[in-house]
């Protein structure tokens, strides 16, 4: 859970590194290797993005704009 702007910055940098690694994997791996390895990396990126959204209050904004 992100609790400060410093942690936000670190998380954003981690996502960027994972995205670069995913792109490199796509270039170097066979389709089967990519299909086997990419989902775990993608899920980790999604979890970190969700943490960022929570820290920034995105979920509350979406809920408010949807009228829930």
C-alpha atoms as a PDB file:
ATOM      1  CA  UNK A   1       0.000   0.000   0.000  1.00  0.00           C
ATOM      2  CA  UNK A   2       1.338   3.390  -1.014  1.00  0.00           C
ATOM      3  CA  UNK A   3       1.325   5.862   1.856  1.00  0.00           C
ATOM      4  CA  UNK A   4       3.524   8.735   0.636  1.00  0.00           C
ATOM      5  CA  UNK A   5       4.628  10.579  -2.466  1.00  0.00           C
ATOM      6  CA  UNK A   6       8.037   8.915  -2.128  1.00  0.00           C
ATOM      7  CA  UNK A   7       6.443   5.479  -2.281  1.00  0.00           C
ATOM      8  CA  UNK A   8       4.370   6.663  -5.248  1.00  0.00           C
ATOM      9  CA  UNK A   9       7.541   7.633  -7.116  1.00  0.00           C
ATOM     10  CA  UNK A  10       9.192   4.312  -6.299  1.00  0.00           C
ATOM     11  CA  UNK A  11       6.144   2.370  -7.466  1.00  0.00           C
ATOM     12  CA  UNK A  12       5.996   4.326 -10.712  1.00  0.00           C
ATOM     13  CA  UNK A  13       9.675   3.555 -11.338  1.00  0.00           C
ATOM     14  CA  UNK A  14       9.078  -0.135 -10.611  1.00  0.00           C
ATOM     15  CA  UNK A  15       6.236  -0.222 -13.125  1.00  0.00           C
ATOM     16  CA  UNK A  16       8.450   1.383 -15.732  1.00  0.00           C
ATOM     17  CA  UNK A  17      11.193  -1.204 -15.168  1.00  0.00           C
ATOM     18  CA  UNK A  18       8.687  -4.041 -15.421  1.00  0.00           C
ATOM     19  CA  UNK A  19       7.263  -2.616 -18.631  1.00  0.00           C
ATOM     20  CA  UNK A  20      10.758  -2.398 -20.130  1.00  0.00           C
ATOM     21  CA  UNK A  21      11.412  -5.985 -19.061  1.00  0.00           C
ATOM     22  CA  UNK A  22       8.118  -7.090 -20.598  1.00  0.00           C
ATOM     23  CA  UNK A  23       9.000  -5.362 -23.874  1.00  0.00           C
ATOM     24  CA  UNK A  24      12.420  -7.032 -23.880  1.00  0.00           C
ATOM     25  CA  UNK A  25      10.811 -10.397 -23.198  1.00  0.00           C
ATOM     26  CA  UNK A  26       8.443  -9.851 -26.113  1.00  0.00           C
ATOM     27  CA  UNK A  27      11.402  -9.180 -28.420  1.00  0.00           C
ATOM     28  CA  UNK A  28      13.561 -12.094 -27.262  1.00  0.00           C
ATOM     29  CA  UNK A  29      11.225 -14.889 -26.191  1.00  0.00           C
ATOM     30  CA  UNK A  30       9.349 -17.304 -28.341  1.00  0.00           C
ATOM     31  CA  UNK A  31       5.574 -16.819 -28.359  1.00  0.00           C
ATOM     32  CA  UNK A  32       5.214 -19.809 -26.030  1.00  0.00           C
ATOM     33  CA  UNK A  33       7.810 -18.449 -23.599  1.00  0.00           C
ATOM     34  CA  UNK A  34       6.176 -15.031 -23.645  1.00  0.00           C
ATOM     35  CA  UNK A  35       2.750 -16.539 -23.041  1.00  0.00           C
ATOM     36  CA  UNK A  36       4.117 -18.502 -20.089  1.00  0.00           C
ATOM     37  CA  UNK A  37       6.042 -15.660 -18.440  1.00  0.00           C
ATOM     38  CA  UNK A  38       4.161 -12.464 -19.271  1.00  0.00           C
ATOM     39  CA  UNK A  39       0.946 -12.983 -17.273  1.00  0.00           C
ATOM     40  CA  UNK A  40       2.721 -12.844 -13.910  1.00  0.00           C
ATOM     41  CA  UNK A  41       4.512  -9.632 -14.863  1.00  0.00           C
ATOM     42  CA  UNK A  42       1.329  -8.085 -16.242  1.00  0.00           C
ATOM     43  CA  UNK A  43      -0.593  -8.960 -13.088  1.00  0.00           C
ATOM     44  CA  UNK A  44       2.117  -7.385 -10.943  1.00  0.00           C
ATOM     45  CA  UNK A  45       1.942  -4.199 -13.030  1.00  0.00           C
ATOM     46  CA  UNK A  46      -1.856  -4.141 -12.688  1.00  0.00           C
ATOM     47  CA  UNK A  47      -1.657  -4.519  -8.902  1.00  0.00           C
ATOM     48  CA  UNK A  48       0.826  -1.652  -8.640  1.00  0.00           C
ATOM     49  CA  UNK A  49      -1.308   0.553 -10.898  1.00  0.00           C
ATOM     50  CA  UNK A  50      -4.290  -0.192  -8.686  1.00  0.00           C
ATOM     51  CA  UNK A  51      -2.256   0.863  -5.642  1.00  0.00           C
ATOM     52  CA  UNK A  52      -1.389   4.114  -7.405  1.00  0.00           C
ATOM     53  CA  UNK A  53      -5.044   4.706  -8.286  1.00  0.00           C
ATOM     54  CA  UNK A  54      -6.032   4.098  -4.663  1.00  0.00           C
ATOM     55  CA  UNK A  55      -3.362   6.478  -3.354  1.00  0.00           C
ATOM     56  CA  UNK A  56      -4.384   9.203  -5.816  1.00  0.00           C
ATOM     57  CA  UNK A  57      -8.067   8.782  -4.981  1.00  0.00           C
ATOM     58  CA  UNK A  58      -9.061   7.601  -8.431  1.00  0.00           C
ATOM     59  CA  UNK A  59     -11.488   5.004  -7.102  1.00  0.00           C
ATOM     60  CA  UNK A  60     -13.367   7.630  -5.093  1.00  0.00           C
ATOM     61  CA  UNK A  61     -13.510   9.975  -8.078  1.00  0.00           C
ATOM     62  CA  UNK A  62     -14.847   7.212 -10.319  1.00  0.00           C
ATOM     63  CA  UNK A  63     -17.441   6.232  -7.735  1.00  0.00           C
ATOM     64  CA  UNK A  64     -18.564   9.848  -7.395  1.00  0.00           C
ATOM     65  CA  UNK A  65     -18.768  10.420 -11.133  1.00  0.00           C
ATOM     66  CA  UNK A  66     -20.789   7.233 -11.557  1.00  0.00           C
ATOM     67  CA  UNK A  67     -23.197   8.311  -8.839  1.00  0.00           C
ATOM     68  CA  UNK A  68     -22.507   5.387  -6.524  1.00  0.00           C
END
